[in-house]
Amino acid sequence: MKKYKQIFSTFHTVYRLITASSNVSNFLSGACRLYKNSFKLDRVVIICKNVNYSLYIKIRMENNCQYEKKGGISILTKREKEILNREKEISFPNRLFYPLVFSETLGVIYIKRGPPNGPFTELEKKWFFSLSEEISVGLKIFNLYREEKKMIISYVKSLTKLLDQYVPTSYLHTKNIFRFIRMLGKAMKLSEAEIKSLEYASLLHDAGKIQLPSAILKKQRPLTDEEFKIIRKHPREGVELIKDLDILKPVIPIILHHHERYDGSGYPSRLKKEQIPIGSRILSIIDAFDAMYFGRPYRKKIPLPEIEQEIKKESAKQFDPKIVDIFLKILRRKATPKELRFSK
């Protein structure tokens, strides 16, 4: 009974690896450890083929050490190439091979053990083959996710280009936006996934303005109260455009709340302080800087020293004080004025 509990536990571990791993390398590393500990192995090798490119990832775990290689077919040994091309399971008393296949060949796994653990039992062989099938499913999920991500990036670029043609709402060059985001994100200890979501949000935060009257967006004079009420709809309109795209779910709160104010007087929900998503607080200050530095149809641009004073004045009012301190340090970098001159 204890053995069967262990077997069931390994299948659940694969599920956790699929849902928790940030990339395929982490997934494969976790799978190697799972195989090594479950079967008491001397060696485990997993080779993963990227079906869209001529690239491979090879992870080998041996003598409590892990080795990883990435590259073309040259990273594989002659024996590994032969195993990969056979596309069928191979069983020896002390060695097992299994092709990772899910509608196409995704890779291969090879395990080996010697004394004192002895040859693999029939139960262990069935366990290994079944577990490897689940690993194949996991690899397929990662490939599908990568394809979906490529499609979403294309969607984001197309929508951003359309928005820019309709009414330019951001004048900062994408590289500069991303540079600010990465500096602020790292200083605020955001994860890589959070930073990536913030990058997407920076490109799409004004997408909802496509739904608004062009005459208002291009108006040269200050907006009336009624016109401003219409403008305030754009965060929700932007969310409507992306709400059905699963990969952009983390972006939705950032876009929805990027016009909230730290003191609670913003819109659409009058959130305040830490109630406002951290991504929205970061995007808020970048968006405001963009508007001040490059100007808008209804607002003249402001020199950098005056912008710094304005941002200081709005600390703890419009902006998170911690983010203000970090952002001002970035503005004071010697390289910043030169980088901004190359913005569009």
Protein backbone atom coordinates (compact mmCIF):
# COMPACT_ATOMS: atom_id res chain seq x y z
CA MET A 1 0.00 0.00 0.00
CA LYS A 2 2.87 2.37 0.82
CA LYS A 3 4.32 1.88 -2.67
CA TYR A 4 1.02 2.73 -4.35
CA LYS A 5 0.68 5.88 -2.24
CA GLN A 6 4.12 6.92 -3.44
CA ILE A 7 3.11 6.27 -7.07
CA PHE A 8 -0.04 8.38 -6.76
CA SER A 9 2.00 11.11 -5.09
CA THR A 10 4.40 11.33 -8.06
CA PHE A 11 1.54 11.92 -10.49
CA HIS A 12 0.28 14.74 -8.32
CA THR A 13 3.82 16.17 -8.20
CA VAL A 14 3.92 16.31 -12.01
CA TYR A 15 0.65 18.26 -11.96
CA ARG A 16 2.15 20.71 -9.46
CA LEU A 17 5.27 21.08 -11.61
CA ILE A 18 3.15 21.88 -14.68
CA THR A 19 1.11 24.53 -12.88
CA ALA A 20 3.93 26.08 -10.84
CA SER A 21 6.94 26.07 -13.20
CA SER A 22 7.71 29.43 -14.80
CA ASN A 23 9.41 27.87 -17.83
CA VAL A 24 10.18 24.52 -19.43
CA SER A 25 13.70 24.33 -17.91
CA ASN A 26 12.28 24.57 -14.38
CA PHE A 27 9.68 21.95 -15.26
CA LEU A 28 12.29 19.53 -16.60
CA SER A 29 14.61 20.10 -13.62
CA GLY A 30 11.76 19.28 -11.26
CA ALA A 31 10.91 16.19 -13.30
CA CYS A 32 14.54 14.99 -13.12
CA ARG A 33 14.54 15.29 -9.33
CA LEU A 34 11.22 13.48 -9.15
CA TYR A 35 12.50 10.54 -11.22
CA LYS A 36 15.82 10.35 -9.36
CA ASN A 37 14.26 10.30 -5.90
CA SER A 38 11.30 8.05 -6.79
CA PHE A 39 13.31 5.35 -8.57
CA LYS A 40 16.61 5.75 -6.63
CA LEU A 41 18.50 6.40 -9.86
CA ASP A 42 22.19 6.78 -10.64
CA ARG A 43 21.41 8.86 -13.70
CA VAL A 44 18.41 10.55 -15.33
CA VAL A 45 18.52 12.43 -18.62
CA ILE A 46 15.64 14.37 -20.17
CA ILE A 47 15.96 15.78 -23.68
CA CYS A 48 13.28 18.22 -24.80
CA LYS A 49 12.89 19.28 -28.42
CA ASN A 50 11.39 22.64 -29.25
CA VAL A 51 9.01 21.60 -32.04
CA ASN A 52 9.04 25.08 -33.61
CA TYR A 53 12.80 25.57 -33.71
CA SER A 54 15.90 23.42 -34.19
CA LEU A 55 16.76 23.71 -30.51
CA TYR A 56 17.07 21.23 -27.67
CA ILE A 57 17.24 21.36 -23.90
CA LYS A 58 19.12 18.53 -22.21
CA ILE A 59 19.08 18.12 -18.45
CA ARG A 60 21.16 15.40 -16.82
CA MET A 61 21.17 14.57 -13.12
CA GLU A 62 23.94 12.32 -11.84
CA ASN A 63 25.79 11.94 -8.52
CA ASN A 64 23.61 14.64 -6.94
CA CYS A 65 24.74 17.12 -9.59
CA GLN A 66 22.60 18.64 -12.34
CA TYR A 67 23.86 19.67 -15.77
CA GLU A 68 21.91 21.62 -18.37
CA LYS A 69 22.66 22.29 -22.04
CA LYS A 70 20.74 24.25 -24.64
CA GLY A 71 21.43 24.36 -28.35
CA GLY A 72 21.16 22.53 -31.63
CA ILE A 73 21.49 18.86 -32.43
CA SER A 74 25.21 19.06 -31.63
CA ILE A 75 24.53 19.01 -27.86
CA LEU A 76 23.25 15.42 -28.18
CA THR A 77 25.49 12.37 -28.15
CA LYS A 78 25.29 9.83 -30.97
CA ARG A 79 23.45 7.45 -28.65
CA GLU A 80 20.95 10.17 -27.66
CA LYS A 81 20.23 10.97 -31.30
CA GLU A 82 19.52 7.30 -32.01
CA ILE A 83 17.16 7.04 -29.02
CA LEU A 84 15.36 10.24 -30.03
CA ASN A 85 14.85 8.96 -33.59
CA ARG A 86 13.50 5.55 -32.53
CA GLU A 87 10.35 7.07 -31.01
CA LYS A 88 9.58 3.93 -28.99
CA GLU A 89 10.06 2.76 -25.44
CA ILE A 90 13.10 0.59 -24.69
CA SER A 91 13.46 -1.58 -21.62
CA PHE A 92 16.57 -3.17 -20.14
CA PRO A 93 16.96 -4.60 -16.61
CA ASN A 94 18.83 -1.49 -15.34
CA ARG A 95 17.95 1.09 -18.02
CA LEU A 96 14.66 2.46 -19.33
CA PHE A 97 13.98 4.79 -22.27
CA TYR A 98 10.72 6.49 -23.13
CA PRO A 99 9.90 8.85 -26.03
CA LEU A 100 8.03 11.96 -24.95
CA VAL A 101 5.33 12.08 -27.61
CA PHE A 102 2.10 14.06 -27.84
CA SER A 103 0.98 14.33 -31.49
CA GLU A 104 4.67 14.92 -32.29
CA THR A 105 7.99 13.92 -30.75
CA LEU A 106 8.77 16.28 -27.90
CA GLY A 107 11.84 14.55 -26.53
CA VAL A 108 13.00 11.48 -24.66
CA ILE A 109 13.76 10.42 -21.09
CA TYR A 110 16.43 7.94 -20.07
CA ILE A 111 16.96 6.53 -16.57
CA LYS A 112 19.60 4.17 -15.19
CA ARG A 113 20.39 2.57 -11.85
CA GLY A 114 22.80 -0.04 -10.63
CA PRO A 115 23.65 -1.84 -7.41
CA PRO A 116 22.54 -1.84 -4.65
CA ASN A 117 19.04 -1.02 -5.93
CA GLY A 118 19.10 -3.71 -8.61
CA PRO A 119 17.04 -4.04 -11.81
CA PHE A 120 13.67 -2.36 -12.29
CA THR A 121 10.64 -4.41 -11.29
CA GLU A 122 7.65 -4.80 -13.62
CA LEU A 123 5.67 -2.42 -11.41
CA GLU A 124 8.42 0.19 -11.64
CA LYS A 125 8.54 -0.12 -15.44
CA LYS A 126 4.78 0.48 -15.73
CA TRP A 127 5.08 3.33 -13.26
CA PHE A 128 7.93 4.90 -15.26
CA PHE A 129 6.08 4.64 -18.59
CA SER A 130 2.86 6.10 -17.14
CA LEU A 131 4.70 8.93 -15.40
CA SER A 132 6.55 9.74 -18.63
CA GLU A 133 3.25 9.99 -20.48
CA GLU A 134 2.21 12.69 -18.03
CA ILE A 135 5.53 14.49 -18.57
CA SER A 136 4.73 14.44 -22.31
CA VAL A 137 1.41 16.15 -21.60
CA GLY A 138 3.24 18.77 -19.53
CA LEU A 139 5.68 19.50 -22.36
CA LYS A 140 2.78 19.84 -24.80
CA ILE A 141 1.13 22.35 -22.46
CA PHE A 142 4.32 24.43 -22.37
CA ASN A 143 4.52 24.38 -26.18
CA LEU A 144 0.89 25.45 -26.50
CA TYR A 145 1.42 28.20 -23.95
CA ARG A 146 4.45 29.44 -25.90
CA GLU A 147 2.39 29.57 -29.09
CA GLU A 148 -0.43 31.39 -27.31
CA LYS A 149 2.08 33.85 -25.90
CA LYS A 150 3.44 34.58 -29.39
CA MET A 151 -0.10 35.19 -30.63
CA ILE A 152 -0.83 37.52 -27.72
CA ILE A 153 2.36 39.51 -28.34
CA SER A 154 1.30 39.93 -31.98
CA TYR A 155 -2.15 41.01 -30.80
CA VAL A 156 -0.67 43.54 -28.37
CA LYS A 157 1.61 44.99 -31.06
CA SER A 158 -1.23 45.26 -33.58
CA LEU A 159 -3.59 46.88 -31.10
CA THR A 160 -0.89 49.30 -29.95
CA LYS A 161 -0.15 50.28 -33.56
CA LEU A 162 -3.84 50.83 -34.26
CA LEU A 163 -4.20 52.95 -31.11
CA ASP A 164 -1.15 55.02 -32.04
CA GLN A 165 -2.62 55.74 -35.49
CA TYR A 166 -6.02 56.58 -34.03
CA VAL A 167 -4.71 58.99 -31.43
CA PRO A 168 -1.14 59.03 -30.04
CA THR A 169 -1.54 58.76 -26.28
CA SER A 170 2.01 57.80 -25.35
CA TYR A 171 5.16 59.41 -26.72
CA LEU A 172 7.71 57.46 -24.76
CA HIS A 173 9.61 54.99 -26.89
CA THR A 174 8.76 51.39 -25.95
CA LYS A 175 12.38 50.71 -24.92
CA ASN A 176 12.28 53.63 -22.51
CA ILE A 177 8.93 52.57 -21.06
CA PHE A 178 10.27 49.07 -20.50
CA ARG A 179 13.50 50.46 -19.02
CA PHE A 180 11.55 52.50 -16.45
CA ILE A 181 9.31 49.53 -15.71
CA ARG A 182 12.21 47.13 -15.16
CA MET A 183 14.11 49.55 -12.92
CA LEU A 184 11.01 50.29 -10.85
CA GLY A 185 9.89 46.65 -10.84
CA LYS A 186 13.23 45.35 -9.60
CA ALA A 187 13.44 48.04 -6.94
CA MET A 188 9.93 47.09 -5.77
CA LYS A 189 10.95 43.39 -5.82
CA LEU A 190 8.39 42.38 -8.45
CA SER A 191 8.66 38.94 -10.03
CA GLU A 192 9.55 38.50 -13.69
CA ALA A 193 5.92 37.60 -14.44
CA GLU A 194 4.70 40.79 -12.73
CA ILE A 195 7.17 42.90 -14.69
CA LYS A 196 6.09 41.27 -17.95
CA SER A 197 2.42 41.96 -17.15
CA LEU A 198 3.30 45.58 -16.45
CA GLU A 199 5.06 45.82 -19.82
CA TYR A 200 1.92 44.56 -21.57
CA ALA A 201 -0.21 46.96 -19.53
CA SER A 202 2.00 49.90 -20.51
CA LEU A 203 1.27 49.18 -24.15
CA LEU A 204 -2.46 48.60 -23.66
CA HIS A 205 -3.44 50.92 -20.80
CA ASP A 206 -5.07 53.45 -23.14
CA ALA A 207 -6.53 50.91 -25.58
CA GLY A 208 -10.04 51.74 -24.35
CA LYS A 209 -9.71 55.20 -25.90
CA ILE A 210 -10.36 53.57 -29.27
CA GLN A 211 -14.00 53.39 -28.13
CA LEU A 212 -14.14 57.12 -27.32
CA PRO A 213 -14.91 60.07 -29.66
CA SER A 214 -11.78 61.13 -31.54
CA ALA A 215 -12.82 64.80 -31.30
CA ILE A 216 -12.46 64.69 -27.51
CA LEU A 217 -9.11 62.91 -27.60
CA LYS A 218 -7.66 65.41 -30.07
CA LYS A 219 -9.18 68.50 -28.47
CA GLN A 220 -6.62 71.31 -28.14
CA ARG A 221 -8.29 73.04 -25.18
CA PRO A 222 -8.92 71.77 -21.62
CA LEU A 223 -11.76 69.27 -21.37
CA THR A 224 -15.17 70.14 -19.98
CA ASP A 225 -16.56 68.21 -17.00
CA GLU A 226 -18.81 66.25 -19.35
CA GLU A 227 -15.93 65.40 -21.69
CA PHE A 228 -13.80 64.32 -18.74
CA LYS A 229 -16.58 61.96 -17.63
CA ILE A 230 -16.37 60.32 -21.05
CA ILE A 231 -12.56 60.08 -20.85
CA ARG A 232 -12.85 58.37 -17.46
CA LYS A 233 -14.56 55.43 -19.15
CA HIS A 234 -11.42 54.32 -21.01
CA PRO A 235 -9.96 51.98 -18.33
CA ARG A 236 -13.13 49.86 -18.30
CA GLU A 237 -13.37 50.01 -22.10
CA GLY A 238 -9.76 48.79 -22.30
CA VAL A 239 -10.50 45.87 -19.98
CA GLU A 240 -13.43 44.88 -22.22
CA LEU A 241 -11.05 44.52 -25.17
CA ILE A 242 -8.78 41.98 -23.44
CA LYS A 243 -10.97 40.27 -20.82
CA ASP A 244 -11.38 37.04 -22.82
CA LEU A 245 -7.62 36.50 -23.33
CA ASP A 246 -6.45 34.25 -20.50
CA ILE A 247 -2.79 35.14 -20.83
CA LEU A 248 -3.63 38.83 -20.26
CA LYS A 249 -5.71 38.23 -17.10
CA PRO A 250 -2.92 39.61 -14.84
CA VAL A 251 -2.90 42.81 -16.93
CA ILE A 252 -6.57 43.62 -16.29
CA PRO A 253 -6.26 45.07 -12.74
CA ILE A 254 -3.28 47.18 -13.81
CA ILE A 255 -5.19 48.75 -16.70
CA LEU A 256 -8.43 49.12 -14.76
CA HIS A 257 -6.82 51.02 -11.87
CA HIS A 258 -3.97 52.99 -13.45
CA HIS A 259 -5.88 56.26 -12.86
CA GLU A 260 -6.50 55.63 -9.18
CA ARG A 261 -4.74 58.08 -6.85
CA TYR A 262 -2.77 57.19 -3.74
CA ASP A 263 -5.02 59.45 -1.63
CA GLY A 264 -8.18 57.71 -2.87
CA SER A 265 -9.52 60.49 -5.11
CA GLY A 266 -8.90 58.74 -8.44
CA TYR A 267 -11.08 56.58 -10.68
CA PRO A 268 -12.83 54.26 -11.44
CA SER A 269 -13.05 52.75 -7.91
CA ARG A 270 -11.52 55.41 -5.62
CA LEU A 271 -9.00 52.92 -4.27
CA LYS A 272 -6.22 54.26 -2.07
CA LYS A 273 -2.71 53.35 -0.96
CA GLU A 274 -2.03 49.56 -1.05
CA GLN A 275 -5.58 48.88 -2.26
CA ILE A 276 -4.29 49.99 -5.66
CA PRO A 277 -2.42 47.18 -7.48
CA ILE A 278 1.33 47.76 -7.38
CA GLY A 279 1.46 47.60 -11.19
CA SER A 280 -1.14 50.38 -11.43
CA ARG A 281 0.83 52.56 -9.00
CA ILE A 282 3.96 52.14 -11.12
CA LEU A 283 2.16 52.72 -14.41
CA SER A 284 0.45 55.81 -12.97
CA ILE A 285 3.73 57.65 -12.44
CA ILE A 286 5.18 56.58 -15.80
CA ASP A 287 2.00 57.70 -17.60
CA ALA A 288 2.01 61.06 -15.79
CA PHE A 289 5.68 61.61 -16.62
CA ASP A 290 4.97 60.84 -20.28
CA ALA A 291 2.15 63.43 -20.34
CA MET A 292 4.28 66.10 -18.67
CA TYR A 293 7.51 65.54 -20.61
CA PHE A 294 6.00 65.25 -24.09
CA GLY A 295 2.81 67.24 -23.57
CA ARG A 296 -0.66 66.51 -24.89
CA PRO A 297 -2.95 68.30 -27.36
CA TYR A 298 -4.48 70.18 -24.42
CA ARG A 299 -1.29 70.54 -22.30
CA LYS A 300 2.16 71.99 -22.95
CA LYS A 301 5.24 69.90 -22.23
CA ILE A 302 7.24 70.62 -19.06
CA PRO A 303 11.07 70.64 -18.59
CA LEU A 304 12.61 67.87 -16.48
CA PRO A 305 13.40 70.04 -13.39
CA GLU A 306 9.75 71.19 -13.21
CA ILE A 307 8.54 67.61 -13.70
CA GLU A 308 10.64 66.52 -10.74
CA GLN A 309 9.07 69.22 -8.57
CA GLU A 310 5.57 68.28 -9.75
CA ILE A 311 6.11 64.61 -8.97
CA LYS A 312 7.48 65.50 -5.52
CA LYS A 313 4.43 67.67 -4.88
CA GLU A 314 2.10 64.77 -5.75
CA SER A 315 3.90 62.27 -3.52
CA ALA A 316 1.35 60.65 -1.16
CA LYS A 317 -1.41 62.44 -3.10
CA GLN A 318 -1.44 61.10 -6.64
CA PHE A 319 1.58 58.80 -6.33
CA ASP A 320 2.95 56.16 -3.98
CA PRO A 321 5.81 57.89 -2.04
CA LYS A 322 8.08 54.83 -2.32
CA ILE A 323 7.70 54.75 -6.09
CA VAL A 324 8.26 58.51 -6.27
CA ASP A 325 11.63 58.16 -4.52
CA ILE A 326 12.76 55.40 -6.87
CA PHE A 327 11.46 57.13 -10.00
CA LEU A 328 13.22 60.40 -9.16
CA LYS A 329 16.50 58.53 -8.74
CA ILE A 330 16.01 57.13 -12.25
CA LEU A 331 15.28 60.63 -13.64
CA ARG A 332 18.49 61.93 -12.06
CA ARG A 333 20.62 59.36 -13.87
CA LYS A 334 23.05 61.03 -16.29
CA ALA A 335 21.87 58.76 -19.10
CA THR A 336 18.16 59.58 -18.75
CA PRO A 337 17.99 62.89 -20.71
CA LYS A 338 19.93 61.36 -23.60
CA GLU A 339 17.69 58.27 -23.65
CA LEU A 340 14.57 60.44 -23.69
CA ARG A 341 15.80 62.41 -26.71
CA PHE A 342 15.61 59.19 -28.75
CA SER A 343 11.95 58.67 -27.87
CA LYS A 344 9.47 58.98 -30.69
